[in-house]
Each structure stands twice: as structure tokens, then as C-alpha cells.
Amino acid sequence: DIEDQLGLEAGIVSPFGIMNNTAHNIQIYFDQDMLAENIPLTFHPNINTHTIFLSAADLMKFIKAQGFDYQIIDL
């Protein structure tokens, strides 16, 4: 359940929700096409009235800093 694992409501899910997952029991996947173009990625900062723009490299640094790993897959 999104709310139990990430503390987020459906429709507001973003990578920033991993800050709330102290059990580290989720896995993170990214589609390689999403990361192939060097364009800023946009996500809600755990509230859907704001948007954060950041590079894929910065997002990966954030994920690692939270103690998570991720996989890049071809969908």
C-alpha cells in the first residue's frame, strides 16, 4: 500500500517518498528511455501542488543518499 510504505497518497507518488520508507523494503526501477535523453526530470515533492526539476544524475544521488539502490530496465 502506497500510504503505508511511502506515506504518500495515490496520485502524489514520487521518488522522494523513499524518505518515508524506513524499512527499505521497496525496489526502484527506471525505464532506460526515460533516462536516455538528457532532459530534466520532474516530480512532485510529496505534494502535488509543486514540481521539482532535476537531472537524472542528481536523482540517482538522492536515491543512493537515502540508502536505496535502483535498477534501469528496458520496458
Protein backbone atom coordinates (compact mmCIF):
# COMPACT_ATOMS: atom_id res chain seq x y z
CA ASP A 1 0.00 0.00 0.00
CA ILE A 2 1.44 3.33 -1.10
CA GLU A 3 0.39 5.18 2.03
CA ASP A 4 1.83 2.52 4.35
CA GLN A 5 5.14 2.14 2.51
CA LEU A 6 5.83 5.71 1.36
CA GLY A 7 3.49 7.89 3.39
CA LEU A 8 2.00 9.22 0.14
CA GLU A 9 -1.46 9.34 -1.36
CA ALA A 10 -2.17 7.79 -4.76
CA GLY A 11 -1.51 10.41 -7.43
CA ILE A 12 1.35 12.01 -5.48
CA VAL A 13 3.86 9.18 -5.74
CA SER A 14 7.41 10.29 -6.47
CA PRO A 15 10.93 9.07 -5.74
CA PHE A 16 11.02 11.48 -2.80
CA GLY A 17 8.62 9.19 -0.94
CA ILE A 18 11.52 6.84 -0.22
CA MET A 19 12.44 9.19 2.63
CA ASN A 20 9.41 7.76 4.45
CA ASN A 21 10.28 4.10 3.83
CA THR A 22 12.47 3.34 6.84
CA ALA A 23 12.13 -0.42 6.30
CA HIS A 24 13.89 -0.09 2.91
CA ASN A 25 11.55 -2.78 1.59
CA ILE A 26 10.74 -1.33 -1.82
CA GLN A 27 12.60 -1.60 -5.11
CA ILE A 28 13.13 1.28 -7.52
CA TYR A 29 13.09 0.88 -11.29
CA PHE A 30 13.59 3.37 -14.11
CA ASP A 31 12.92 2.84 -17.79
CA GLN A 32 16.14 3.38 -19.73
CA ASP A 33 14.31 5.52 -22.32
CA MET A 34 13.27 7.90 -19.55
CA LEU A 35 16.92 8.43 -18.70
CA ALA A 36 18.36 8.28 -22.24
CA GLU A 37 17.53 11.86 -23.12
CA ASN A 38 19.46 14.44 -21.16
CA ILE A 39 16.40 16.43 -20.12
CA PRO A 40 15.35 17.49 -16.64
CA LEU A 41 13.08 15.05 -14.84
CA THR A 42 10.08 16.41 -12.99
CA PHE A 43 8.49 15.08 -9.83
CA HIS A 44 6.14 16.19 -7.10
CA PRO A 45 7.99 16.83 -3.83
CA ASN A 46 5.49 14.64 -1.91
CA ILE A 47 2.73 17.17 -2.53
CA ASN A 48 1.05 17.56 -5.92
CA THR A 49 0.83 21.36 -5.88
CA HIS A 50 4.56 21.79 -6.54
CA THR A 51 7.06 20.35 -9.02
CA ILE A 52 10.81 19.83 -8.75
CA PHE A 53 13.05 19.71 -11.84
CA LEU A 54 16.33 17.82 -11.56
CA SER A 55 18.79 15.86 -13.62
CA ALA A 56 18.79 12.07 -13.67
CA ALA A 57 22.27 12.13 -12.09
CA ASP A 58 21.02 14.24 -9.18
CA LEU A 59 18.01 11.97 -8.71
CA MET A 60 20.27 8.91 -8.55
CA LYS A 61 22.48 10.68 -5.98
CA PHE A 62 19.40 11.37 -3.86
CA ILE A 63 18.27 7.75 -4.07
CA LYS A 64 21.71 6.49 -3.04
CA ALA A 65 21.90 9.04 -0.22
CA GLN A 66 18.65 7.62 1.17
CA GLY A 67 20.25 4.16 1.30
CA PHE A 68 18.39 2.68 -1.66
CA ASP A 69 19.58 1.10 -4.86
CA TYR A 70 17.82 1.23 -8.23
CA GLN A 71 17.70 -0.67 -11.48
CA ILE A 72 17.47 0.66 -15.01
CA ILE A 73 15.36 -1.59 -17.22
CA ASP A 74 14.10 -1.65 -20.81
CA LEU A 75 10.31 -1.56 -20.82
